[in-house]
Amino acid sequence: MSLHVIPPRSGAAFTLRAGQLLKVIDPMGVQVSDLLAFSAADTREVISNGRTFDYEETIALTTGNRLWSNRSNVLLEIVEDSVGRHDFLLTPCSEATFRHFYPDHPVHRGCFGNLAEALAPYGVEPDAIPTAFNLFMNVPVAPDGTLQVDPPVSAPGDFITLRAAMDCVIGLTACSAYASNGGSFKPIHYQLLD
């Protein structure tokens, strides 16, 4: 039940056993964490926003919703959520993201680069990284379909807890994009609970 710290603008990867809980905490508030999940048995089976939206019939995922794989299997179930506002539309930020949206700032490898490095030991190649479930990310969708990235509504200590439906490889970040985090960068904490 030890607390793990992901420093600002970095990432981590680890295994999560079936039935085990993952608690992701925003310790200082207003910080996004990109979450990926792969089947530990075959990392070609990966979290899918399209399957999840289809089977859960919502884009507003929170307590009681499940996160599905590209093979139509449940990977994770959200069992507790103190925020209730997450994004599953936008892809992990990358060097290209920084060149496109932040031309006046230094280029950073972003969550994509951090996830690619962290997941490489598990055999996940960069091209296999899908759209992440962006914990605490605040992306309102206007009636005309326009997207906007606003600062997260998460307060210090807010969290989400997910239960693994199968043995998983998890990728997790402390997001690096300016707009996603209200212009500042903070750590993300997580715990693995039995």
C-alpha atoms as a PDB file:
ATOM      1  CA  MET A   1       0.000   0.000   0.000  1.00  0.00           C
ATOM      2  CA  SER A   2       3.005   2.259  -0.433  1.00  0.00           C
ATOM      3  CA  LEU A   3       2.595   5.606  -2.171  1.00  0.00           C
ATOM      4  CA  HIS A   4       4.345   6.012  -5.526  1.00  0.00           C
ATOM      5  CA  VAL A   5       5.221   9.458  -6.892  1.00  0.00           C
ATOM      6  CA  ILE A   6       5.355  10.376 -10.579  1.00  0.00           C
ATOM      7  CA  PRO A   7       7.378  13.605 -10.778  1.00  0.00           C
ATOM      8  CA  PRO A   8       6.053  16.499 -12.881  1.00  0.00           C
ATOM      9  CA  ARG A   9       6.193  15.938 -16.655  1.00  0.00           C
ATOM     10  CA  SER A  10       7.218  12.267 -16.394  1.00  0.00           C
ATOM     11  CA  GLY A  11       5.667   8.806 -16.535  1.00  0.00           C
ATOM     12  CA  ALA A  12       5.731   5.280 -15.140  1.00  0.00           C
ATOM     13  CA  ALA A  13       4.597   1.784 -16.071  1.00  0.00           C
ATOM     14  CA  PHE A  14       3.783  -1.189 -13.863  1.00  0.00           C
ATOM     15  CA  THR A  15       1.651  -4.336 -13.670  1.00  0.00           C
ATOM     16  CA  LEU A  16      -1.759  -4.531 -12.010  1.00  0.00           C
ATOM     17  CA  ARG A  17      -3.178  -7.938 -11.128  1.00  0.00           C
ATOM     18  CA  ALA A  18      -6.801  -8.930 -11.769  1.00  0.00           C
ATOM     19  CA  GLY A  19      -8.878  -7.755  -8.802  1.00  0.00           C
ATOM     20  CA  GLN A  20      -6.223  -5.324  -7.609  1.00  0.00           C
ATOM     21  CA  LEU A  21      -7.097  -1.641  -7.176  1.00  0.00           C
ATOM     22  CA  LEU A  22      -5.224   1.324  -8.616  1.00  0.00           C
ATOM     23  CA  LYS A  23      -5.789   4.626  -6.804  1.00  0.00           C
ATOM     24  CA  VAL A  24      -4.522   7.684  -8.709  1.00  0.00           C
ATOM     25  CA  ILE A  25      -4.281  10.857  -6.627  1.00  0.00           C
ATOM     26  CA  ASP A  26      -3.895  14.497  -7.656  1.00  0.00           C
ATOM     27  CA  PRO A  27      -1.977  15.645  -4.541  1.00  0.00           C
ATOM     28  CA  MET A  28      -1.839  19.368  -5.335  1.00  0.00           C
ATOM     29  CA  GLY A  29      -4.897  19.765  -7.580  1.00  0.00           C
ATOM     30  CA  VAL A  30      -5.295  20.874 -11.218  1.00  0.00           C
ATOM     31  CA  GLN A  31      -3.002  18.164 -12.647  1.00  0.00           C
ATOM     32  CA  VAL A  32      -3.865  15.673 -15.416  1.00  0.00           C
ATOM     33  CA  SER A  33      -2.638  12.077 -15.521  1.00  0.00           C
ATOM     34  CA  ASP A  34      -2.772  10.065 -18.753  1.00  0.00           C
ATOM     35  CA  LEU A  35      -3.709   6.414 -18.113  1.00  0.00           C
ATOM     36  CA  LEU A  36      -3.148   3.503 -20.492  1.00  0.00           C
ATOM     37  CA  ALA A  37      -3.994  -0.165 -19.894  1.00  0.00           C
ATOM     38  CA  PHE A  38      -2.893  -3.229 -21.834  1.00  0.00           C
ATOM     39  CA  SER A  39      -3.602  -6.909 -21.268  1.00  0.00           C
ATOM     40  CA  ALA A  40      -0.538  -8.389 -19.560  1.00  0.00           C
ATOM     41  CA  ALA A  41      -1.099 -11.613 -21.512  1.00  0.00           C
ATOM     42  CA  ASP A  42      -0.943  -9.844 -24.885  1.00  0.00           C
ATOM     43  CA  THR A  43      -0.153  -6.131 -25.041  1.00  0.00           C
ATOM     44  CA  ARG A  44      -1.794  -5.909 -28.466  1.00  0.00           C
ATOM     45  CA  GLU A  45      -5.020  -5.883 -26.452  1.00  0.00           C
ATOM     46  CA  VAL A  46      -5.259  -2.279 -25.343  1.00  0.00           C
ATOM     47  CA  ILE A  47      -7.645   0.267 -23.869  1.00  0.00           C
ATOM     48  CA  SER A  48     -10.067   1.647 -26.480  1.00  0.00           C
ATOM     49  CA  ASN A  49     -12.005   4.880 -26.197  1.00  0.00           C
ATOM     50  CA  GLY A  50     -14.289   3.861 -29.085  1.00  0.00           C
ATOM     51  CA  ARG A  51     -15.272   0.513 -27.531  1.00  0.00           C
ATOM     52  CA  THR A  52     -15.675   2.191 -24.138  1.00  0.00           C
ATOM     53  CA  PHE A  53     -17.952   4.958 -25.452  1.00  0.00           C
ATOM     54  CA  ASP A  54     -19.968   2.373 -27.396  1.00  0.00           C
ATOM     55  CA  TYR A  55     -20.526  -0.112 -24.557  1.00  0.00           C
ATOM     56  CA  GLU A  56     -20.842   2.422 -21.725  1.00  0.00           C
ATOM     57  CA  GLU A  57     -23.051   4.725 -23.868  1.00  0.00           C
ATOM     58  CA  THR A  58     -21.427   7.892 -22.495  1.00  0.00           C
ATOM     59  CA  ILE A  59     -18.312  10.022 -22.817  1.00  0.00           C
ATOM     60  CA  ALA A  60     -18.713  11.188 -19.187  1.00  0.00           C
ATOM     61  CA  LEU A  61     -17.022   8.222 -17.504  1.00  0.00           C
ATOM     62  CA  THR A  62     -17.081   7.985 -13.702  1.00  0.00           C
ATOM     63  CA  THR A  63     -17.925   5.601 -10.838  1.00  0.00           C
ATOM     64  CA  GLY A  64     -19.552   2.425 -12.130  1.00  0.00           C
ATOM     65  CA  ASN A  65     -18.273   2.762 -15.690  1.00  0.00           C
ATOM     66  CA  ARG A  66     -15.885   0.269 -17.226  1.00  0.00           C
ATOM     67  CA  LEU A  67     -12.951   0.818 -19.584  1.00  0.00           C
ATOM     68  CA  TRP A  68     -12.976  -1.629 -22.499  1.00  0.00           C
ATOM     69  CA  SER A  69     -10.271  -3.032 -24.756  1.00  0.00           C
ATOM     70  CA  ASN A  70     -10.026  -3.117 -28.538  1.00  0.00           C
ATOM     71  CA  ARG A  71     -11.090  -6.787 -28.227  1.00  0.00           C
ATOM     72  CA  SER A  72     -14.304  -5.893 -26.368  1.00  0.00           C
ATOM     73  CA  ASN A  73     -13.096  -7.086 -22.971  1.00  0.00           C
ATOM     74  CA  VAL A  74     -13.269  -5.057 -19.767  1.00  0.00           C
ATOM     75  CA  LEU A  75      -9.813  -3.978 -18.595  1.00  0.00           C
ATOM     76  CA  LEU A  76     -10.701  -1.687 -15.671  1.00  0.00           C
ATOM     77  CA  GLU A  77     -13.756  -0.628 -13.678  1.00  0.00           C
ATOM     78  CA  ILE A  78     -14.036   2.756 -11.974  1.00  0.00           C
ATOM     79  CA  VAL A  79     -15.020   1.989  -8.373  1.00  0.00           C
ATOM     80  CA  GLU A  80     -14.583   5.426  -6.784  1.00  0.00           C
ATOM     81  CA  ASP A  81     -14.164   8.894  -8.272  1.00  0.00           C
ATOM     82  CA  SER A  82     -14.002  12.100  -6.249  1.00  0.00           C
ATOM     83  CA  VAL A  83     -13.780  14.339  -9.342  1.00  0.00           C
ATOM     84  CA  GLY A  84     -16.189  12.976 -11.956  1.00  0.00           C
ATOM     85  CA  ARG A  85     -14.513  14.870 -14.806  1.00  0.00           C
ATOM     86  CA  HIS A  86     -12.082  13.100 -17.124  1.00  0.00           C
ATOM     87  CA  ASP A  87     -11.329  13.026 -20.856  1.00  0.00           C
ATOM     88  CA  PHE A  88     -11.137  10.103 -23.267  1.00  0.00           C
ATOM     89  CA  LEU A  89     -11.172  12.095 -26.527  1.00  0.00           C
ATOM     90  CA  LEU A  90      -7.695  13.604 -26.819  1.00  0.00           C
ATOM     91  CA  THR A  91      -4.487  11.742 -27.542  1.00  0.00           C
ATOM     92  CA  PRO A  92      -1.393  12.003 -25.294  1.00  0.00           C
ATOM     93  CA  CYS A  93       0.568  15.225 -25.821  1.00  0.00           C
ATOM     94  CA  SER A  94       3.773  14.795 -27.822  1.00  0.00           C
ATOM     95  CA  GLU A  95       6.596  16.768 -29.394  1.00  0.00           C
ATOM     96  CA  ALA A  96       4.264  17.447 -32.321  1.00  0.00           C
ATOM     97  CA  THR A  97       1.606  18.714 -29.895  1.00  0.00           C
ATOM     98  CA  PHE A  98       4.065  21.199 -28.434  1.00  0.00           C
ATOM     99  CA  ARG A  99       5.157  22.421 -31.867  1.00  0.00           C
ATOM    100  CA  HIS A 100       1.487  22.842 -32.887  1.00  0.00           C
ATOM    101  CA  PHE A 101      -0.048  24.435 -29.778  1.00  0.00           C
ATOM    102  CA  TYR A 102       2.924  25.945 -27.918  1.00  0.00           C
ATOM    103  CA  PRO A 103       5.294  27.368 -30.562  1.00  0.00           C
ATOM    104  CA  ASP A 104       6.668  29.931 -28.094  1.00  0.00           C
ATOM    105  CA  HIS A 105       7.606  27.291 -25.491  1.00  0.00           C
ATOM    106  CA  PRO A 106      10.409  24.707 -25.517  1.00  0.00           C
ATOM    107  CA  VAL A 107       9.424  21.446 -27.188  1.00  0.00           C
ATOM    108  CA  HIS A 108       8.819  18.614 -24.708  1.00  0.00           C
ATOM    109  CA  ARG A 109       8.353  14.928 -25.478  1.00  0.00           C
ATOM    110  CA  GLY A 110       5.106  15.070 -23.515  1.00  0.00           C
ATOM    111  CA  CYS A 111       3.022  12.197 -22.192  1.00  0.00           C
ATOM    112  CA  PHE A 112       3.471  10.279 -25.446  1.00  0.00           C
ATOM    113  CA  GLY A 113       7.256  10.249 -25.088  1.00  0.00           C
ATOM    114  CA  ASN A 114       7.069   9.485 -21.372  1.00  0.00           C
ATOM    115  CA  LEU A 115       4.650   6.607 -21.965  1.00  0.00           C
ATOM    116  CA  ALA A 116       6.742   5.229 -24.835  1.00  0.00           C
ATOM    117  CA  GLU A 117       9.842   5.118 -22.617  1.00  0.00           C
ATOM    118  CA  ALA A 118       8.031   3.638 -19.603  1.00  0.00           C
ATOM    119  CA  LEU A 119       6.191   0.970 -21.630  1.00  0.00           C
ATOM    120  CA  ALA A 120       9.136  -0.131 -23.796  1.00  0.00           C
ATOM    121  CA  PRO A 121      10.290  -2.794 -21.279  1.00  0.00           C
ATOM    122  CA  TYR A 122       6.822  -4.393 -21.637  1.00  0.00           C
ATOM    123  CA  GLY A 123       7.197  -4.675 -25.412  1.00  0.00           C
ATOM    124  CA  VAL A 124       4.863  -1.776 -26.245  1.00  0.00           C
ATOM    125  CA  GLU A 125       6.142   0.183 -29.252  1.00  0.00           C
ATOM    126  CA  PRO A 126       5.290   3.868 -29.762  1.00  0.00           C
ATOM    127  CA  ASP A 127       2.888   3.158 -32.639  1.00  0.00           C
ATOM    128  CA  ALA A 128       0.862   0.912 -30.297  1.00  0.00           C
ATOM    129  CA  ILE A 129       0.082   3.780 -27.887  1.00  0.00           C
ATOM    130  CA  PRO A 130      -3.628   4.644 -28.227  1.00  0.00           C
ATOM    131  CA  THR A 131      -5.750   7.514 -26.947  1.00  0.00           C
ATOM    132  CA  ALA A 132      -5.295   7.628 -23.168  1.00  0.00           C
ATOM    133  CA  PHE A 133      -7.950   7.912 -20.493  1.00  0.00           C
ATOM    134  CA  ASN A 134      -6.930  11.376 -19.294  1.00  0.00           C
ATOM    135  CA  LEU A 135      -7.650  11.444 -15.577  1.00  0.00           C
ATOM    136  CA  PHE A 136      -8.823  14.801 -14.205  1.00  0.00           C
ATOM    137  CA  MET A 137      -8.624  16.415 -17.672  1.00  0.00           C
ATOM    138  CA  ASN A 138     -11.391  18.941 -18.354  1.00  0.00           C
ATOM    139  CA  VAL A 139     -12.456  18.983 -22.022  1.00  0.00           C
ATOM    140  CA  PRO A 140     -15.924  20.535 -22.451  1.00  0.00           C
ATOM    141  CA  VAL A 141     -17.688  19.735 -25.727  1.00  0.00           C
ATOM    142  CA  ALA A 142     -19.842  22.579 -27.073  1.00  0.00           C
ATOM    143  CA  PRO A 143     -23.203  21.906 -28.775  1.00  0.00           C
ATOM    144  CA  ASP A 144     -21.555  22.511 -32.162  1.00  0.00           C
ATOM    145  CA  GLY A 145     -18.916  19.851 -31.369  1.00  0.00           C
ATOM    146  CA  THR A 146     -16.083  22.261 -30.650  1.00  0.00           C
ATOM    147  CA  LEU A 147     -13.599  21.057 -28.032  1.00  0.00           C
ATOM    148  CA  GLN A 148     -11.968  23.239 -25.416  1.00  0.00           C
ATOM    149  CA  VAL A 149      -9.242  22.349 -22.901  1.00  0.00           C
ATOM    150  CA  ASP A 150      -9.905  24.004 -19.537  1.00  0.00           C
ATOM    151  CA  PRO A 151      -7.971  23.604 -16.266  1.00  0.00           C
ATOM    152  CA  PRO A 152      -8.932  20.481 -14.289  1.00  0.00           C
ATOM    153  CA  VAL A 153     -11.555  20.884 -11.571  1.00  0.00           C
ATOM    154  CA  SER A 154      -9.620  18.504  -9.298  1.00  0.00           C
ATOM    155  CA  ALA A 155      -8.670  19.847  -5.873  1.00  0.00           C
ATOM    156  CA  PRO A 156      -5.691  18.743  -3.758  1.00  0.00           C
ATOM    157  CA  GLY A 157      -6.178  15.123  -2.703  1.00  0.00           C
ATOM    158  CA  ASP A 158      -8.833  14.270  -5.285  1.00  0.00           C
ATOM    159  CA  PHE A 159      -8.554  10.750  -6.675  1.00  0.00           C
ATOM    160  CA  ILE A 160      -9.961   7.995  -8.843  1.00  0.00           C
ATOM    161  CA  THR A 161      -9.817   4.276  -7.987  1.00  0.00           C
ATOM    162  CA  LEU A 162     -10.014   1.559 -10.637  1.00  0.00           C
ATOM    163  CA  ARG A 163     -10.238  -2.239 -10.279  1.00  0.00           C
ATOM    164  CA  ALA A 164      -8.442  -4.464 -12.786  1.00  0.00           C
ATOM    165  CA  ALA A 165     -10.710  -6.984 -14.529  1.00  0.00           C
ATOM    166  CA  MET A 166      -7.670  -8.859 -15.859  1.00  0.00           C
ATOM    167  CA  ASP A 167      -3.920  -8.759 -15.361  1.00  0.00           C
ATOM    168  CA  CYS A 168      -2.840  -5.454 -16.903  1.00  0.00           C
ATOM    169  CA  VAL A 169       0.187  -3.391 -17.796  1.00  0.00           C
ATOM    170  CA  ILE A 170      -0.528   0.208 -16.818  1.00  0.00           C
ATOM    171  CA  GLY A 171       1.078   3.368 -18.159  1.00  0.00           C
ATOM    172  CA  LEU A 172       0.575   6.525 -16.104  1.00  0.00           C
ATOM    173  CA  THR A 173       1.877  10.090 -16.372  1.00  0.00           C
ATOM    174  CA  ALA A 174       1.971  13.484 -14.764  1.00  0.00           C
ATOM    175  CA  CYS A 175       0.913  15.430 -17.860  1.00  0.00           C
ATOM    176  CA  SER A 176       3.250  17.912 -19.533  1.00  0.00           C
ATOM    177  CA  ALA A 177       0.875  20.134 -21.557  1.00  0.00           C
ATOM    178  CA  TYR A 178       0.348  23.714 -20.413  1.00  0.00           C
ATOM    179  CA  ALA A 179      -3.382  24.062 -21.170  1.00  0.00           C
ATOM    180  CA  SER A 180      -4.274  20.686 -19.661  1.00  0.00           C
ATOM    181  CA  ASN A 181      -2.872  21.633 -16.245  1.00  0.00           C
ATOM    182  CA  GLY A 182      -3.765  25.312 -15.974  1.00  0.00           C
ATOM    183  CA  GLY A 183      -0.231  26.357 -16.953  1.00  0.00           C
ATOM    184  CA  SER A 184       1.727  24.613 -14.187  1.00  0.00           C
ATOM    185  CA  PHE A 185       3.129  21.118 -13.684  1.00  0.00           C
ATOM    186  CA  LYS A 186       2.775  19.018 -10.544  1.00  0.00           C
ATOM    187  CA  PRO A 187       3.302  15.400  -9.479  1.00  0.00           C
ATOM    188  CA  ILE A 188       0.814  12.551  -9.547  1.00  0.00           C
ATOM    189  CA  HIS A 189       0.639   9.945  -6.776  1.00  0.00           C
ATOM    190  CA  TYR A 190      -0.656   6.396  -7.055  1.00  0.00           C
ATOM    191  CA  GLN A 191      -1.214   3.353  -4.856  1.00  0.00           C
ATOM    192  CA  LEU A 192      -1.740  -0.330  -5.651  1.00  0.00           C
ATOM    193  CA  LEU A 193      -4.294  -1.778  -3.244  1.00  0.00           C
ATOM    194  CA  ASP A 194      -5.293  -5.430  -2.717  1.00  0.00           C
END
